[in-house]
N, C-alpha and C. Protein backbone atom coordinates (compact mmCIF):
# COMPACT_ATOMS: atom_id res chain seq x y z
N MET A 1 -3.41 -13.18 10.28
CA MET A 1 -2.69 -14.43 9.71
C MET A 1 -2.82 -13.84 8.36
N VAL A 2 -1.41 -14.27 7.95
CA VAL A 2 -1.34 -14.46 6.42
C VAL A 2 -1.58 -15.64 5.53
N LEU A 3 -2.50 -15.38 4.40
CA LEU A 3 -2.97 -15.99 3.75
C LEU A 3 -2.40 -16.58 2.22
N GLN A 4 -1.33 -15.53 2.03
CA GLN A 4 -0.83 -16.00 0.97
C GLN A 4 0.57 -14.89 0.90
N THR A 5 1.76 -15.59 0.70
CA THR A 5 2.93 -15.02 0.00
C THR A 5 3.26 -14.60 -1.45
N PHE A 6 3.54 -13.47 -2.05
CA PHE A 6 3.83 -13.27 -3.09
C PHE A 6 5.44 -12.70 -3.29
N ARG A 7 6.16 -13.47 -3.86
CA ARG A 7 7.43 -13.26 -4.06
C ARG A 7 8.00 -12.31 -5.28
N ILE A 8 8.50 -10.92 -5.09
CA ILE A 8 8.96 -10.36 -6.45
C ILE A 8 10.24 -11.02 -6.91
N PRO A 9 10.20 -11.17 -8.28
CA PRO A 9 11.28 -11.95 -9.02
C PRO A 9 12.57 -11.19 -8.78
N SER A 10 13.66 -12.18 -8.68
CA SER A 10 14.87 -11.38 -8.44
C SER A 10 15.43 -10.63 -9.45
N GLU A 11 14.79 -10.78 -10.84
CA GLU A 11 15.79 -10.18 -11.78
C GLU A 11 15.07 -8.89 -12.12
N LEU A 12 13.79 -8.69 -11.18
CA LEU A 12 13.32 -7.29 -11.05
C LEU A 12 13.90 -6.54 -10.08
N LEU A 13 14.84 -6.95 -9.44
CA LEU A 13 15.45 -6.08 -8.19
C LEU A 13 17.08 -5.70 -8.68
N GLU A 14 17.29 -4.66 -7.93
CA GLU A 14 18.89 -4.17 -7.93
C GLU A 14 19.44 -4.30 -6.76
N SER A 15 20.66 -4.22 -6.31
CA SER A 15 21.37 -4.35 -4.96
C SER A 15 20.74 -3.02 -4.10
N ASN A 16 20.51 -1.88 -4.57
CA ASN A 16 19.88 -0.75 -3.81
C ASN A 16 18.19 -0.64 -3.79
N SER A 17 17.69 -1.68 -4.38
CA SER A 17 16.14 -1.61 -4.66
C SER A 17 15.83 -1.77 -2.88
N THR A 18 14.70 -0.95 -2.79
CA THR A 18 13.65 -0.64 -1.55
C THR A 18 12.38 -0.43 -2.19
N LEU A 19 11.77 -1.41 -1.92
CA LEU A 19 10.08 -1.35 -2.26
C LEU A 19 9.31 -0.36 -1.05
N ALA A 20 8.91 0.37 -1.81
CA ALA A 20 8.32 1.82 -1.03
C ALA A 20 6.75 1.81 -0.74
N ASN A 21 6.24 1.18 -1.90
CA ASN A 21 4.75 1.35 -1.94
C ASN A 21 3.84 0.53 -2.64
N VAL A 22 2.65 -0.14 -2.60
CA VAL A 22 2.21 -0.98 -3.19
C VAL A 22 0.71 -0.74 -3.51
N ARG A 23 -0.36 -0.51 -4.52
CA ARG A 23 -1.32 -0.74 -4.99
C ARG A 23 -2.07 -1.69 -5.25
N VAL A 24 -3.14 -2.22 -4.92
CA VAL A 24 -3.69 -3.79 -5.43
C VAL A 24 -4.96 -3.03 -6.65
N ASP A 25 -4.91 -3.58 -7.25
CA ASP A 25 -5.91 -3.63 -8.09
C ASP A 25 -6.85 -5.18 -8.04
N SER A 26 -7.69 -5.15 -7.25
CA SER A 26 -8.44 -6.49 -6.86
C SER A 26 -9.25 -6.70 -8.15
N GLN A 27 -9.75 -6.16 -8.74
CA GLN A 27 -10.49 -6.35 -10.09
C GLN A 27 -9.90 -7.12 -11.33
N GLN A 28 -8.67 -6.68 -11.24
CA GLN A 28 -7.57 -7.22 -12.39
C GLN A 28 -6.51 -7.99 -11.58
N ASN A 29 -6.69 -8.40 -10.67
CA ASN A 29 -5.73 -9.23 -9.60
C ASN A 29 -4.29 -8.78 -10.23
N ILE A 30 -3.98 -7.39 -9.96
CA ILE A 30 -2.55 -6.65 -10.58
C ILE A 30 -2.15 -6.06 -8.89
N ALA A 31 -1.02 -6.28 -9.16
CA ALA A 31 0.00 -5.01 -7.65
C ALA A 31 0.99 -4.32 -8.64
N PHE A 32 1.03 -2.76 -8.31
CA PHE A 32 1.79 -2.07 -8.62
C PHE A 32 2.78 -1.87 -7.50
N ILE A 33 4.25 -1.91 -7.58
CA ILE A 33 4.76 -1.68 -6.84
C ILE A 33 6.20 -0.51 -6.93
N SER A 34 6.18 0.49 -6.02
CA SER A 34 7.29 1.10 -6.71
C SER A 34 8.68 1.11 -5.80
N ASP A 35 9.85 0.88 -6.78
CA ASP A 35 11.10 0.73 -6.05
C ASP A 35 11.65 2.20 -6.01
N GLY A 36 11.28 2.56 -4.65
CA GLY A 36 12.08 4.28 -4.35
C GLY A 36 13.48 4.02 -4.06
N GLY A 37 14.11 2.56 -3.91
CA GLY A 37 15.91 2.86 -4.09
C GLY A 37 16.34 2.78 -5.14
N ALA A 38 16.14 1.97 -6.13
CA ALA A 38 16.61 1.77 -7.44
C ALA A 38 15.92 2.49 -8.57
N GLY A 39 14.11 2.99 -8.41
CA GLY A 39 13.74 3.53 -9.31
C GLY A 39 13.16 2.23 -10.06
N GLY A 40 12.21 2.72 -10.79
CA GLY A 40 11.16 1.81 -11.75
C GLY A 40 9.87 1.41 -10.76
N LEU A 41 9.24 0.70 -11.77
CA LEU A 41 7.49 0.36 -11.23
C LEU A 41 7.68 -0.88 -11.72
N ILE A 42 7.49 -1.90 -10.53
CA ILE A 42 7.28 -3.38 -10.82
C ILE A 42 5.87 -3.48 -10.70
N VAL A 43 5.45 -4.23 -11.86
CA VAL A 43 4.19 -5.05 -12.14
C VAL A 43 3.73 -6.16 -11.41
N LEU A 44 3.30 -7.00 -10.94
CA LEU A 44 3.17 -8.29 -10.28
C LEU A 44 1.70 -8.47 -10.56
N ASP A 45 1.49 -9.88 -11.48
CA ASP A 45 0.39 -10.81 -11.70
C ASP A 45 -0.06 -11.36 -10.38
N LEU A 46 -1.17 -11.43 -9.59
CA LEU A 46 -1.25 -11.99 -8.56
C LEU A 46 -1.89 -13.16 -8.67
N GLU A 47 -2.48 -13.62 -9.49
CA GLU A 47 -2.93 -15.28 -9.77
C GLU A 47 -1.77 -15.74 -10.86
N SER A 48 -0.81 -15.26 -11.30
CA SER A 48 0.13 -16.22 -11.82
C SER A 48 1.49 -16.33 -11.30
N GLY A 49 1.72 -15.13 -10.27
CA GLY A 49 2.79 -14.62 -9.48
C GLY A 49 3.79 -14.24 -10.48
N LYS A 50 3.62 -13.92 -11.84
CA LYS A 50 4.60 -13.59 -12.72
C LYS A 50 4.47 -11.77 -12.48
N GLY A 51 5.88 -11.32 -12.58
CA GLY A 51 6.18 -9.96 -12.69
C GLY A 51 6.90 -9.04 -13.68
N TRP A 52 6.92 -8.19 -13.88
CA TRP A 52 8.05 -7.48 -14.90
C TRP A 52 7.93 -5.91 -14.60
N LEU A 53 8.85 -5.11 -15.30
CA LEU A 53 8.86 -3.94 -14.80
C LEU A 53 8.23 -3.15 -15.78
N GLY A 54 6.93 -2.60 -15.01
CA GLY A 54 5.86 -1.71 -15.99
C GLY A 54 6.65 -0.53 -16.40
N LEU A 55 7.38 0.20 -15.85
CA LEU A 55 8.45 1.30 -16.16
C LEU A 55 9.70 0.87 -15.16
N ASP A 56 10.80 0.76 -16.57
CA ASP A 56 12.23 0.14 -15.88
C ASP A 56 12.95 1.55 -15.52
N ARG A 57 13.89 1.47 -15.05
CA ARG A 57 14.99 2.35 -14.45
C ARG A 57 15.47 3.52 -15.03
N SER A 58 15.17 3.30 -16.38
CA SER A 58 15.84 4.33 -17.53
C SER A 58 14.66 5.73 -17.67
N VAL A 59 13.61 5.26 -17.06
CA VAL A 59 12.25 6.34 -17.32
C VAL A 59 12.68 7.17 -16.36
N GLN A 60 12.72 8.41 -16.57
CA GLN A 60 13.19 9.82 -16.28
C GLN A 60 11.98 9.73 -15.18
N GLN A 61 10.68 9.85 -15.24
CA GLN A 61 9.84 10.06 -14.39
C GLN A 61 9.75 9.40 -12.94
N THR A 62 10.63 8.03 -12.81
CA THR A 62 10.68 7.12 -11.60
C THR A 62 11.65 7.57 -10.90
N ARG A 63 12.52 8.62 -11.48
CA ARG A 63 13.94 9.04 -10.62
C ARG A 63 13.79 10.10 -9.99
N ALA A 64 14.99 10.62 -8.96
CA ALA A 64 14.69 11.56 -8.57
C ALA A 64 15.39 12.73 -9.38
N ASN A 65 14.88 14.01 -9.05
CA ASN A 65 15.65 15.03 -9.98
C ASN A 65 16.52 15.74 -9.27
N ALA A 66 16.76 15.25 -7.79
CA ALA A 66 17.87 16.11 -7.03
C ALA A 66 18.25 15.05 -6.11
N LYS A 67 19.29 15.53 -5.18
CA LYS A 67 19.80 14.56 -4.05
C LYS A 67 19.29 14.73 -2.70
N PHE A 68 18.81 15.64 -2.66
CA PHE A 68 18.22 16.05 -1.01
C PHE A 68 16.56 17.01 -1.39
N LEU A 69 16.01 17.16 -0.14
CA LEU A 69 15.14 18.03 0.07
C LEU A 69 15.56 19.12 0.81
N ALA A 70 15.25 20.30 0.56
CA ALA A 70 15.91 21.38 1.19
C ALA A 70 14.39 21.64 2.48
N LEU A 71 14.75 21.85 3.70
CA LEU A 71 13.40 21.71 4.30
C LEU A 71 13.79 22.60 5.44
N PRO A 72 12.62 23.43 5.98
CA PRO A 72 13.04 24.07 7.44
C PRO A 72 13.92 23.44 8.34
N THR A 73 13.91 22.51 8.90
CA THR A 73 14.55 21.97 9.57
C THR A 73 16.02 21.19 9.38
N GLY A 74 16.53 21.43 7.63
CA GLY A 74 17.76 21.17 7.04
C GLY A 74 17.54 20.29 6.06
N ASN A 75 18.48 20.11 5.33
CA ASN A 75 18.59 19.22 4.06
C ASN A 75 18.31 17.74 4.99
N TYR A 76 17.22 17.11 3.94
CA TYR A 76 17.00 15.85 4.30
C TYR A 76 17.34 14.82 2.98
N TYR A 77 17.95 13.96 3.25
CA TYR A 77 18.68 12.79 2.25
C TYR A 77 17.92 11.46 2.73
N PRO A 78 16.55 11.13 1.60
CA PRO A 78 16.22 10.15 1.85
C PRO A 78 16.75 9.18 1.35
N ILE A 79 16.48 7.62 1.97
CA ILE A 79 17.12 6.30 1.70
C ILE A 79 16.24 6.18 0.21
N MET A 80 14.74 6.55 0.47
CA MET A 80 14.07 6.30 -1.15
C MET A 80 13.98 7.50 -1.62
N PRO A 81 14.97 8.08 -2.34
CA PRO A 81 14.54 9.14 -3.11
C PRO A 81 13.83 8.94 -4.61
N ASN A 82 13.51 7.93 -4.78
CA ASN A 82 13.08 7.80 -6.59
C ASN A 82 11.57 7.49 -6.17
N ILE A 83 11.16 6.82 -7.14
CA ILE A 83 9.67 6.56 -7.10
C ILE A 83 9.05 5.92 -5.77
N ALA A 84 7.73 6.70 -5.25
CA ALA A 84 7.73 6.32 -4.07
C ALA A 84 6.22 6.09 -4.05
N ALA A 85 5.49 7.29 -3.79
CA ALA A 85 4.04 7.29 -3.81
C ALA A 85 3.19 6.57 -4.88
N LEU A 86 2.09 6.00 -4.60
CA LEU A 86 1.47 5.64 -5.61
C LEU A 86 -0.34 5.75 -5.20
N ALA A 87 -1.04 5.76 -6.20
CA ALA A 87 -2.27 6.19 -5.75
C ALA A 87 -3.03 5.39 -7.23
N LEU A 88 -4.04 4.34 -6.91
CA LEU A 88 -5.05 4.13 -7.90
C LEU A 88 -6.13 4.80 -7.84
N SER A 89 -6.54 5.30 -9.06
CA SER A 89 -8.08 6.29 -9.20
C SER A 89 -9.02 5.10 -8.78
N GLU A 90 -10.15 5.85 -8.48
CA GLU A 90 -11.32 5.11 -8.02
C GLU A 90 -11.92 4.07 -9.23
N ASP A 91 -11.64 4.18 -10.04
CA ASP A 91 -12.12 3.69 -11.43
C ASP A 91 -11.08 2.16 -11.54
N ARG A 92 -9.99 2.52 -11.25
CA ARG A 92 -8.47 1.63 -11.46
C ARG A 92 -8.06 1.64 -12.63
N ARG A 93 -8.26 2.82 -13.49
CA ARG A 93 -7.93 3.02 -14.67
C ARG A 93 -6.91 3.91 -14.67
N THR A 94 -6.38 4.43 -13.68
CA THR A 94 -5.09 5.23 -14.04
C THR A 94 -4.41 5.00 -12.52
N LEU A 95 -3.16 5.38 -12.87
CA LEU A 95 -1.83 5.04 -11.62
C LEU A 95 -1.37 6.39 -11.32
N TYR A 96 -1.33 7.04 -10.48
CA TYR A 96 -0.68 8.15 -10.01
C TYR A 96 0.34 8.42 -9.38
N PHE A 97 1.50 8.55 -9.87
CA PHE A 97 2.66 8.62 -9.04
C PHE A 97 3.82 9.24 -9.09
N THR A 98 4.71 9.50 -7.85
CA THR A 98 5.91 10.52 -7.85
C THR A 98 7.10 9.66 -7.31
N PRO A 99 8.39 10.62 -7.70
CA PRO A 99 9.54 10.16 -7.02
C PRO A 99 9.39 10.88 -5.64
N LEU A 100 10.33 10.75 -4.46
CA LEU A 100 9.90 11.21 -3.21
C LEU A 100 10.73 12.64 -3.64
N ILE A 101 11.60 12.74 -4.36
CA ILE A 101 12.20 14.07 -4.30
C ILE A 101 11.84 14.78 -5.53
N GLU A 102 10.72 15.28 -5.82
CA GLU A 102 10.34 15.62 -7.05
C GLU A 102 9.16 17.01 -7.03
N THR A 103 8.84 17.61 -7.75
CA THR A 103 7.95 18.57 -7.65
C THR A 103 6.71 18.47 -8.26
N LYS A 104 6.66 17.20 -9.48
CA LYS A 104 5.88 16.73 -10.28
C LYS A 104 4.90 15.57 -9.70
N ILE A 105 3.94 15.37 -9.91
CA ILE A 105 3.12 14.41 -10.07
C ILE A 105 2.63 13.54 -11.23
N TYR A 106 2.66 12.64 -11.36
CA TYR A 106 2.68 12.01 -12.77
C TYR A 106 1.15 10.86 -13.04
N SER A 107 0.89 10.46 -13.93
CA SER A 107 0.19 9.73 -14.19
C SER A 107 0.16 8.64 -15.46
N ILE A 108 -0.46 7.38 -15.27
CA ILE A 108 -0.35 6.38 -16.67
C ILE A 108 -1.44 5.52 -16.40
N PRO A 109 -2.10 5.30 -17.64
CA PRO A 109 -3.51 4.53 -17.68
C PRO A 109 -2.72 2.98 -17.10
N THR A 110 -3.57 2.38 -16.48
CA THR A 110 -3.44 1.02 -16.14
C THR A 110 -3.22 -0.26 -16.97
N HIS A 111 -3.77 -0.07 -17.91
CA HIS A 111 -3.87 -0.78 -18.96
C HIS A 111 -2.75 -0.82 -19.60
N ILE A 112 -1.94 0.20 -19.65
CA ILE A 112 -0.76 -0.20 -20.44
C ILE A 112 0.40 -0.70 -19.58
N LEU A 113 0.04 -0.35 -18.31
CA LEU A 113 1.27 -0.70 -17.28
C LEU A 113 0.77 -2.50 -17.56
N ARG A 114 -0.25 -3.25 -17.90
CA ARG A 114 -0.64 -4.38 -17.54
C ARG A 114 -0.55 -5.20 -19.15
N ASP A 115 -0.12 -4.12 -20.11
CA ASP A 115 -0.10 -4.93 -21.36
C ASP A 115 1.73 -5.04 -21.46
N ARG A 116 2.01 -6.28 -21.52
CA ARG A 116 3.29 -7.13 -21.56
C ARG A 116 4.05 -7.26 -22.97
N SER A 117 2.87 -6.70 -24.13
CA SER A 117 3.39 -6.53 -25.58
C SER A 117 3.93 -5.46 -25.69
N LEU A 118 4.32 -4.13 -24.82
CA LEU A 118 4.86 -3.00 -24.96
C LEU A 118 6.09 -3.04 -23.82
N ARG A 119 7.21 -2.49 -24.46
CA ARG A 119 8.42 -2.13 -24.02
C ARG A 119 8.16 -0.56 -23.06
N SER A 120 9.39 -0.88 -22.19
CA SER A 120 9.30 0.08 -21.13
C SER A 120 8.82 1.63 -21.85
N HIS A 121 9.95 1.69 -22.83
CA HIS A 121 9.98 3.19 -23.42
C HIS A 121 8.95 3.57 -24.30
N ASP A 122 7.88 2.20 -24.69
CA ASP A 122 6.59 2.58 -25.11
C ASP A 122 5.79 2.81 -24.23
N ARG A 123 5.21 2.33 -22.91
CA ARG A 123 4.81 2.79 -21.80
C ARG A 123 4.97 4.25 -21.15
N ALA A 124 6.29 4.61 -21.39
CA ALA A 124 6.68 5.54 -20.83
C ALA A 124 6.01 6.89 -22.02
N ARG A 125 5.72 6.61 -23.00
CA ARG A 125 5.02 7.97 -23.57
C ARG A 125 3.63 8.06 -23.70
N TYR A 126 3.19 7.17 -22.55
CA TYR A 126 1.52 7.44 -22.14
C TYR A 126 1.62 8.20 -20.88
N ILE A 127 2.55 8.47 -20.48
CA ILE A 127 3.04 9.30 -18.69
C ILE A 127 2.26 10.77 -19.23
N MET A 128 1.73 11.16 -18.35
CA MET A 128 0.88 12.66 -18.36
C MET A 128 1.49 13.33 -16.89
N THR A 129 1.89 14.62 -17.24
CA THR A 129 2.27 15.26 -16.32
C THR A 129 0.94 15.96 -15.29
N GLU A 130 0.44 15.87 -14.23
CA GLU A 130 -0.52 16.08 -13.32
C GLU A 130 -0.44 17.03 -12.58
N ALA A 131 0.66 17.42 -11.82
CA ALA A 131 1.06 18.81 -11.30
C ALA A 131 2.35 19.07 -11.34
N ARG A 132 2.86 20.53 -11.54
CA ARG A 132 4.19 20.96 -11.36
C ARG A 132 4.56 21.47 -10.21
N ASP A 133 3.88 22.07 -9.18
CA ASP A 133 3.97 22.63 -7.84
C ASP A 133 3.82 22.06 -6.63
N ALA A 134 4.04 20.53 -6.54
CA ALA A 134 3.77 19.80 -5.58
C ALA A 134 5.33 19.35 -4.93
N PHE A 135 4.90 19.09 -3.61
CA PHE A 135 5.80 18.54 -2.58
C PHE A 135 5.63 17.40 -2.04
N PRO A 136 5.17 16.30 -2.78
CA PRO A 136 4.32 15.26 -2.39
C PRO A 136 5.04 14.18 -1.39
N SER A 137 4.76 13.67 -0.26
CA SER A 137 5.35 12.52 0.70
C SER A 137 5.04 11.49 -0.38
N ALA A 138 5.29 10.10 0.44
CA ALA A 138 5.51 8.93 -0.15
C ALA A 138 3.69 8.11 0.04
N GLY A 139 2.83 9.04 0.30
CA GLY A 139 1.68 8.68 0.47
C GLY A 139 0.35 9.36 -0.52
N MET A 140 -0.20 8.92 -1.32
CA MET A 140 -1.39 9.77 -1.82
C MET A 140 -2.67 8.82 -2.06
N VAL A 141 -3.80 9.69 -2.08
CA VAL A 141 -5.00 8.71 -2.29
C VAL A 141 -5.87 9.43 -3.27
N GLU A 142 -6.70 8.96 -4.09
CA GLU A 142 -7.79 9.76 -4.69
C GLU A 142 -8.75 9.72 -4.42
N ARG A 143 -9.84 10.65 -4.24
CA ARG A 143 -11.04 10.89 -3.73
C ARG A 143 -12.15 11.53 -4.57
N SER A 144 -13.04 11.41 -5.53
CA SER A 144 -13.80 11.89 -6.27
C SER A 144 -13.19 13.13 -7.36
N GLY A 145 -12.12 12.58 -7.96
CA GLY A 145 -11.53 13.78 -8.58
C GLY A 145 -10.53 14.41 -8.08
N VAL A 146 -10.17 14.15 -6.77
CA VAL A 146 -8.88 14.60 -6.03
C VAL A 146 -7.92 13.80 -5.51
N LEU A 147 -7.17 14.37 -5.79
CA LEU A 147 -5.97 13.49 -5.34
C LEU A 147 -5.30 14.16 -4.07
N TYR A 148 -4.96 13.67 -2.85
CA TYR A 148 -4.98 14.09 -1.25
C TYR A 148 -3.54 13.78 -1.00
N PHE A 149 -2.59 14.53 -0.56
CA PHE A 149 -1.09 14.03 -0.06
C PHE A 149 -0.49 14.57 0.76
N GLY A 150 0.38 14.58 1.55
CA GLY A 150 1.30 15.58 2.38
C GLY A 150 2.42 16.11 1.68
N ASP A 151 2.17 17.29 1.87
CA ASP A 151 3.19 18.50 1.27
C ASP A 151 4.44 18.30 2.26
N VAL A 152 5.29 17.86 1.94
CA VAL A 152 6.36 17.51 3.19
C VAL A 152 7.05 19.11 2.97
N ARG A 153 6.76 19.96 2.33
CA ARG A 153 7.95 21.34 2.14
C ARG A 153 7.60 21.97 3.09
N HIS A 154 5.86 22.29 3.17
CA HIS A 154 5.30 23.17 3.94
C HIS A 154 4.17 22.52 5.71
N ASP A 155 4.68 20.97 5.63
CA ASP A 155 3.79 20.74 6.78
C ASP A 155 2.53 20.91 6.71
N ARG A 156 1.87 20.46 5.73
CA ARG A 156 0.50 20.42 5.54
C ARG A 156 0.10 19.38 4.76
N VAL A 157 -1.51 19.22 4.15
CA VAL A 157 -2.06 18.24 3.41
C VAL A 157 -2.24 19.31 2.31
N ALA A 158 -2.15 18.29 1.18
CA ALA A 158 -2.52 19.21 -0.09
C ALA A 158 -3.65 18.54 -0.94
N SER A 159 -3.93 19.38 -1.96
CA SER A 159 -5.05 18.49 -2.81
C SER A 159 -4.72 18.83 -4.04
N LEU A 160 -4.59 18.00 -4.83
CA LEU A 160 -4.44 18.25 -6.44
C LEU A 160 -5.89 17.85 -7.31
N HIS A 161 -6.62 18.89 -7.94
CA HIS A 161 -7.96 18.58 -8.73
C HIS A 161 -7.33 18.21 -10.09
N LEU A 162 -7.94 17.36 -10.24
CA LEU A 162 -6.94 16.61 -11.22
C LEU A 162 -7.79 17.06 -12.86
N MET A 163 -8.95 17.74 -12.64
CA MET A 163 -9.58 18.04 -13.63
C MET A 163 -9.25 19.74 -14.36
N THR A 164 -8.49 20.37 -13.06
CA THR A 164 -7.89 22.23 -13.47
C THR A 164 -6.10 21.52 -13.22
N HIS A 165 -5.81 20.74 -12.45
CA HIS A 165 -4.04 20.35 -12.13
C HIS A 165 -3.88 21.52 -11.26
N ARG A 166 -4.81 21.90 -10.40
CA ARG A 166 -4.76 22.95 -9.64
C ARG A 166 -4.14 22.48 -8.03
N VAL A 167 -3.12 22.81 -7.15
CA VAL A 167 -2.90 22.29 -6.05
C VAL A 167 -3.32 23.21 -5.03
N SER A 168 -4.00 22.80 -4.21
CA SER A 168 -4.50 23.65 -3.13
C SER A 168 -3.72 23.49 -1.78
N GLU A 169 -4.17 24.01 -0.58
CA GLU A 169 -3.96 23.62 0.79
C GLU A 169 -5.39 23.18 1.30
N MET A 170 -5.27 22.29 2.04
CA MET A 170 -6.10 21.38 2.65
C MET A 170 -6.23 22.41 3.85
N LYS A 171 -7.33 22.75 4.82
CA LYS A 171 -7.13 23.33 5.91
C LYS A 171 -7.36 22.47 7.07
N THR A 172 -5.87 22.22 7.48
CA THR A 172 -5.88 21.39 8.89
C THR A 172 -5.43 21.78 10.06
N PRO A 173 -5.36 21.14 11.20
CA PRO A 173 -4.47 21.92 12.26
C PRO A 173 -3.05 21.91 11.97
N PRO A 174 -2.34 23.05 11.89
CA PRO A 174 -0.98 22.84 11.62
C PRO A 174 -0.29 22.76 12.70
N PRO A 175 1.19 22.51 12.59
CA PRO A 175 1.66 21.79 11.32
C PRO A 175 1.32 20.14 11.42
N ILE A 176 1.45 19.27 10.34
CA ILE A 176 1.15 18.12 10.45
C ILE A 176 2.71 17.93 9.65
N ARG A 177 3.48 17.23 10.45
CA ARG A 177 4.95 17.27 9.68
C ARG A 177 5.21 15.57 9.02
N TRP A 178 5.14 15.93 7.51
CA TRP A 178 5.25 14.64 7.06
C TRP A 178 3.85 13.83 7.20
N ALA A 179 3.12 14.30 6.89
CA ALA A 179 1.80 13.74 6.31
C ALA A 179 2.47 12.32 5.54
N ASP A 180 1.65 11.03 5.67
CA ASP A 180 2.19 10.05 4.96
C ASP A 180 0.85 8.53 5.03
N GLY A 181 1.24 7.99 4.57
CA GLY A 181 0.54 6.64 4.40
C GLY A 181 -1.19 7.04 4.12
N PHE A 182 -1.44 7.30 3.10
CA PHE A 182 -3.11 7.97 2.97
C PHE A 182 -3.78 6.56 2.57
N SER A 183 -4.90 6.35 2.86
CA SER A 183 -5.74 5.34 2.87
C SER A 183 -7.35 5.92 2.69
N LEU A 184 -7.99 5.26 1.85
CA LEU A 184 -9.42 5.14 1.56
C LEU A 184 -10.43 4.36 2.37
N ASP A 185 -11.22 4.84 3.34
CA ASP A 185 -12.21 3.76 4.09
C ASP A 185 -13.43 3.44 3.15
N SER A 186 -14.41 2.31 3.69
CA SER A 186 -15.46 1.93 3.04
C SER A 186 -16.32 3.53 2.88
N ARG A 187 -16.11 4.25 3.89
CA ARG A 187 -16.82 5.36 3.80
C ARG A 187 -17.02 6.72 3.49
N GLY A 188 -15.42 6.22 2.68
CA GLY A 188 -15.09 7.80 1.83
C GLY A 188 -14.31 8.52 2.85
N ASN A 189 -14.00 8.29 3.92
CA ASN A 189 -13.03 8.98 4.69
C ASN A 189 -11.64 8.89 4.31
N ILE A 190 -10.76 9.79 4.64
CA ILE A 190 -9.39 9.63 4.24
C ILE A 190 -8.36 9.47 5.69
N TRP A 191 -7.76 8.64 5.81
CA TRP A 191 -6.94 8.36 6.84
C TRP A 191 -5.51 8.80 6.36
N PHE A 192 -4.63 9.37 7.45
CA PHE A 192 -3.27 9.38 7.19
C PHE A 192 -2.53 9.69 8.42
N THR A 193 -1.28 9.07 8.64
CA THR A 193 -0.35 9.51 9.75
C THR A 193 0.82 10.32 9.46
N GLU A 194 0.98 10.67 10.35
CA GLU A 194 2.17 11.84 10.95
C GLU A 194 3.49 11.00 11.05
N SER A 195 4.02 10.71 10.13
CA SER A 195 5.79 10.39 10.46
C SER A 195 6.65 11.11 10.81
N GLU A 196 6.79 12.33 10.39
CA GLU A 196 7.88 13.26 11.14
C GLU A 196 9.24 12.78 10.49
N SER A 197 9.24 12.43 9.39
CA SER A 197 10.27 12.15 8.85
C SER A 197 11.42 12.80 8.64
N ASN A 198 10.96 14.33 8.65
CA ASN A 198 11.63 15.44 8.25
C ASN A 198 12.04 16.27 9.43
N VAL A 199 11.74 15.37 10.71
CA VAL A 199 12.34 15.90 11.87
C VAL A 199 13.40 15.12 12.69
N PRO A 200 14.54 15.36 13.25
CA PRO A 200 15.53 14.65 13.87
C PRO A 200 14.91 14.02 15.05
N VAL A 201 15.64 12.59 15.08
CA VAL A 201 14.59 11.64 16.05
C VAL A 201 14.23 12.21 17.33
N GLN A 202 15.59 12.82 18.05
CA GLN A 202 15.73 13.90 19.46
C GLN A 202 14.78 14.72 19.39
N ARG A 203 14.06 15.24 18.53
CA ARG A 203 13.25 16.22 18.69
C ARG A 203 11.47 15.74 18.07
N ARG A 204 11.27 14.37 17.74
CA ARG A 204 10.10 13.83 17.25
C ARG A 204 9.23 14.17 18.47
N SER A 205 7.85 14.55 18.60
CA SER A 205 6.68 14.39 19.62
C SER A 205 6.05 12.80 19.08
N ALA A 206 4.89 12.94 19.77
CA ALA A 206 4.31 11.74 19.76
C ALA A 206 3.60 11.46 18.49
N TYR A 207 3.68 10.18 17.58
CA TYR A 207 2.85 10.16 15.95
C TYR A 207 1.66 10.36 16.42
N ARG A 208 0.99 10.59 15.26
CA ARG A 208 -0.49 10.66 15.23
C ARG A 208 -1.16 10.24 14.24
N LEU A 209 -2.48 9.84 14.21
CA LEU A 209 -2.89 9.27 13.17
C LEU A 209 -4.52 10.50 12.81
N PHE A 210 -4.36 10.50 11.73
CA PHE A 210 -5.91 11.49 11.33
C PHE A 210 -6.96 11.13 10.59
N ARG A 211 -7.72 11.61 10.28
CA ARG A 211 -9.01 11.17 10.11
C ARG A 211 -9.74 12.36 9.19
N ILE A 212 -9.93 12.53 7.63
CA ILE A 212 -10.78 13.24 7.32
C ILE A 212 -12.05 12.94 6.74
N VAL A 213 -13.31 13.58 7.71
CA VAL A 213 -14.34 13.39 7.50
C VAL A 213 -15.29 14.34 6.81
N TRP A 214 -15.96 13.74 5.67
CA TRP A 214 -16.81 14.75 5.00
C TRP A 214 -18.12 15.13 5.29
N ALA A 215 -18.57 16.00 5.55
CA ALA A 215 -19.90 16.26 5.97
C ALA A 215 -20.97 15.92 4.72
């Protein structure tokens, strides 16, 4: 049942806008929405319905640094090459993000994105690089100081330890073709899907849903 509908102001969209992911800060009633098509990060106040570009499309970190992904299955040209993956920290103080065609993962304080007195280029100064050797999919989730995401280049799940900035491989049944759609349940378990976006349609197998359970 749909309880409420929120409309994205048309002035925040471009003709090639494709909204990729949303993360909601239920404490501040704020939604963060990535525009994987045109680039840029939309911020929406869920109480007033007002929205703004927290990071506009001139911010380099929201845009792809290449035109395609070179994968073992062939070159992949996504329709959403720009900012896609979003993850809120557990304390809601930090938003992690990355374009789909990128090897870096970035972060920015959420209070900076909420501050409407700042301009986009002022907010961009607060962007930090958390990882430089990652190949993340459009899904990420943070748990206990570790960011989990799909490594699309190597058909695996990877983790980023936010204190050391070290990217590691998770021991999961290989291969996992384009792990995506990461989410955290109330018990701390991580769920994700296998989208197989990097596999030609005629070669895809049955889609799978995974759960990481902690001992």
